[in-house]
Amino acid sequence: MDRGRHCYICYSRDCSRQLANDQQLITRFKMKIITYMKPSCGWSNGVRSVMRKYNLPFEDRDIINDSTQRQEMIQKTNQTLQPCVEVDGHMLVDVSGDEVEAYLLANGIVNTTDQEADAPTNQACANEVQESDIKFMKKSEALEKRIRDYR
């Protein structure tokens, strides 16, 4: 009995899906992913969750506790917002986990899966100002306050 390669999807030999799957696995493990993120942030945790969901190897660079990594991110992106994710030299700037996942799917780096992410992938950092905390004034009230403060 010939025990040659077979398709992991349909178990037949010489299946084009198997070749595509093999190519994707080769690409996934040859590709280099570097993330520039805060150690504890909703956006950063969302990106990490996407990487775990697809079992992607990546370098997690801490831009808060390592100023060298922060400077490298700023130099590569010409801005200070995070998370930034570099996938084989292509930089995704100020992205959520949802945006990273969309990029990976659109470029054939990963396939869709039913597996859920283990953390929210589109959530702000806990210390960010909530919209409900912002109080708006009418234009006339703001003008009156400015005049009072000026006097």
Protein backbone atom coordinates (compact mmCIF):
# COMPACT_ATOMS: atom_id res chain seq x y z
CA MET A 1 0.00 0.00 0.00
CA ASP A 2 1.39 3.40 -1.00
CA ARG A 3 1.61 5.71 2.01
CA GLY A 4 2.45 8.82 -0.02
CA ARG A 5 1.30 12.30 0.84
CA HIS A 6 -2.41 12.83 1.08
CA CYS A 7 -4.70 15.79 1.52
CA TYR A 8 -5.48 16.70 5.13
CA ILE A 9 -8.84 18.01 3.97
CA CYS A 10 -10.29 15.27 1.71
CA TYR A 11 -7.64 12.54 2.28
CA SER A 12 -7.11 11.96 -1.43
CA ARG A 13 -3.69 12.03 -3.08
CA ASP A 14 -2.49 14.90 -5.26
CA CYS A 15 -5.21 17.26 -4.10
CA SER A 16 -4.65 20.91 -4.99
CA ARG A 17 -6.06 21.90 -1.58
CA GLN A 18 -3.24 19.99 0.10
CA LEU A 19 -0.66 21.89 -1.91
CA ALA A 20 -2.31 25.19 -0.98
CA ASN A 21 -2.37 24.14 2.68
CA ASP A 22 1.31 23.15 2.57
CA GLN A 23 2.24 26.47 0.96
CA GLN A 24 0.30 28.38 3.61
CA LEU A 25 2.05 26.51 6.43
CA ILE A 26 5.45 27.14 4.85
CA THR A 27 4.59 30.85 4.44
CA ARG A 28 3.27 31.13 7.99
CA PHE A 29 6.42 29.81 9.61
CA LYS A 30 8.86 31.62 7.31
CA MET A 31 7.15 34.96 7.71
CA LYS A 32 8.35 37.40 10.34
CA ILE A 33 5.80 39.26 12.45
CA ILE A 34 6.88 41.96 14.88
CA THR A 35 4.39 43.77 17.09
CA TYR A 36 5.05 47.07 18.86
CA MET A 37 2.59 47.26 21.74
CA LYS A 38 1.92 48.19 25.33
CA PRO A 39 2.12 45.31 27.81
CA SER A 40 -1.40 45.97 29.09
CA CYS A 41 -3.81 47.62 26.68
CA GLY A 42 -7.13 46.61 25.15
CA TRP A 43 -5.93 47.24 21.60
CA SER A 44 -2.66 45.36 22.20
CA ASN A 45 -4.44 42.44 23.86
CA GLY A 46 -6.72 42.24 20.83
CA VAL A 47 -3.73 41.92 18.49
CA ARG A 48 -2.16 39.25 20.74
CA SER A 49 -5.46 37.38 20.77
CA VAL A 50 -5.55 37.28 16.95
CA MET A 51 -1.98 35.94 16.86
CA ARG A 52 -2.93 33.18 19.32
CA LYS A 53 -6.17 32.42 17.44
CA TYR A 54 -4.18 31.59 14.30
CA ASN A 55 -1.17 30.17 16.17
CA LEU A 56 1.15 32.68 14.51
CA PRO A 57 4.68 33.09 15.86
CA PHE A 58 5.50 36.76 16.52
CA GLU A 59 7.87 39.04 18.41
CA ASP A 60 6.03 41.09 21.03
CA ARG A 61 8.02 44.29 21.55
CA ASP A 62 7.21 46.31 24.65
CA ILE A 63 7.17 50.04 23.79
CA ILE A 64 6.45 51.18 27.35
CA ASN A 65 9.27 49.53 29.29
CA ASP A 66 11.84 49.51 26.47
CA SER A 67 12.54 52.94 25.00
CA THR A 68 14.69 51.39 22.25
CA GLN A 69 11.67 49.47 20.95
CA ARG A 70 9.49 52.60 21.14
CA GLN A 71 12.08 54.60 19.15
CA GLU A 72 12.31 51.82 16.56
CA MET A 73 8.51 51.88 16.15
CA ILE A 74 8.52 55.67 15.77
CA GLN A 75 11.37 55.50 13.26
CA LYS A 76 9.59 52.84 11.16
CA THR A 77 6.13 54.46 11.27
CA ASN A 78 6.79 58.21 11.69
CA GLN A 79 4.15 58.35 14.42
CA THR A 80 3.61 57.35 18.07
CA LEU A 81 0.29 55.49 18.10
CA GLN A 82 0.12 51.78 18.82
CA PRO A 83 -0.32 48.87 18.27
CA CYS A 84 1.82 48.61 15.16
CA VAL A 85 2.29 45.24 13.49
CA GLU A 86 4.99 44.53 10.93
CA VAL A 87 4.27 41.51 8.71
CA ASP A 88 7.24 40.66 6.50
CA GLY A 89 8.22 44.30 6.18
CA HIS A 90 4.66 45.63 5.66
CA MET A 91 3.69 47.91 8.57
CA LEU A 92 0.14 48.11 9.92
CA VAL A 93 -0.08 51.29 11.99
CA ASP A 94 -2.41 52.02 14.93
CA VAL A 95 -4.52 48.91 14.38
CA SER A 96 -7.00 46.82 16.31
CA GLY A 97 -7.00 43.04 16.40
CA ASP A 98 -9.93 43.11 13.96
CA GLU A 99 -7.90 45.12 11.45
CA VAL A 100 -4.90 42.79 11.79
CA GLU A 101 -7.13 39.76 11.27
CA ALA A 102 -8.71 41.36 8.18
CA TYR A 103 -5.23 42.01 6.72
CA LEU A 104 -4.08 38.43 7.40
CA LEU A 105 -7.21 36.97 5.79
CA ALA A 106 -7.18 39.32 2.78
CA ASN A 107 -3.56 38.45 2.03
CA GLY A 108 -4.02 34.69 2.37
CA ILE A 109 -1.72 34.45 5.37
CA VAL A 110 -4.44 32.66 7.36
CA ASN A 111 -7.71 30.94 6.50
CA THR A 112 -11.04 31.64 8.17
CA THR A 113 -11.69 29.59 11.28
CA ASP A 114 -14.58 28.95 13.64
CA GLN A 115 -12.26 29.35 16.61
CA GLU A 116 -13.05 32.42 18.69
CA ALA A 117 -10.43 34.89 19.88
CA ASP A 118 -9.66 34.55 23.59
CA ALA A 119 -9.93 38.31 24.23
CA PRO A 120 -11.85 41.23 22.70
CA THR A 121 -10.16 42.24 19.44
CA ASN A 122 -11.55 45.77 19.14
CA GLN A 123 -11.46 47.32 22.60
CA ALA A 124 -9.75 50.44 23.88
CA CYS A 125 -7.34 50.52 26.78
CA ALA A 126 -9.07 50.61 30.18
CA ASN A 127 -7.59 54.00 31.03
CA GLU A 128 -8.97 55.66 27.88
CA VAL A 129 -11.66 58.28 28.40
CA GLN A 130 -15.13 56.85 27.97
CA GLU A 131 -17.55 58.81 25.80
CA SER A 132 -20.03 58.93 28.70
CA ASP A 133 -17.44 60.79 30.80
CA ILE A 134 -17.32 63.68 28.33
CA LYS A 135 -19.69 66.54 29.11
CA PHE A 136 -20.73 68.78 26.28
CA MET A 137 -21.83 72.38 26.71
CA LYS A 138 -23.94 74.48 24.48
CA LYS A 139 -21.94 76.98 22.47
CA SER A 140 -23.36 79.89 24.49
CA GLU A 141 -22.46 78.21 27.82
CA ALA A 142 -18.92 77.56 26.61
CA LEU A 143 -18.56 81.17 25.49
CA GLU A 144 -19.87 82.48 28.82
CA LYS A 145 -17.46 80.21 30.72
CA ARG A 146 -14.55 81.41 28.59
CA ILE A 147 -15.46 85.04 29.26
CA ARG A 148 -15.72 84.38 33.03
CA ASP A 149 -12.37 82.56 33.03
CA TYR A 150 -10.78 85.39 31.07
CA ARG A 151 -11.87 88.02 33.63
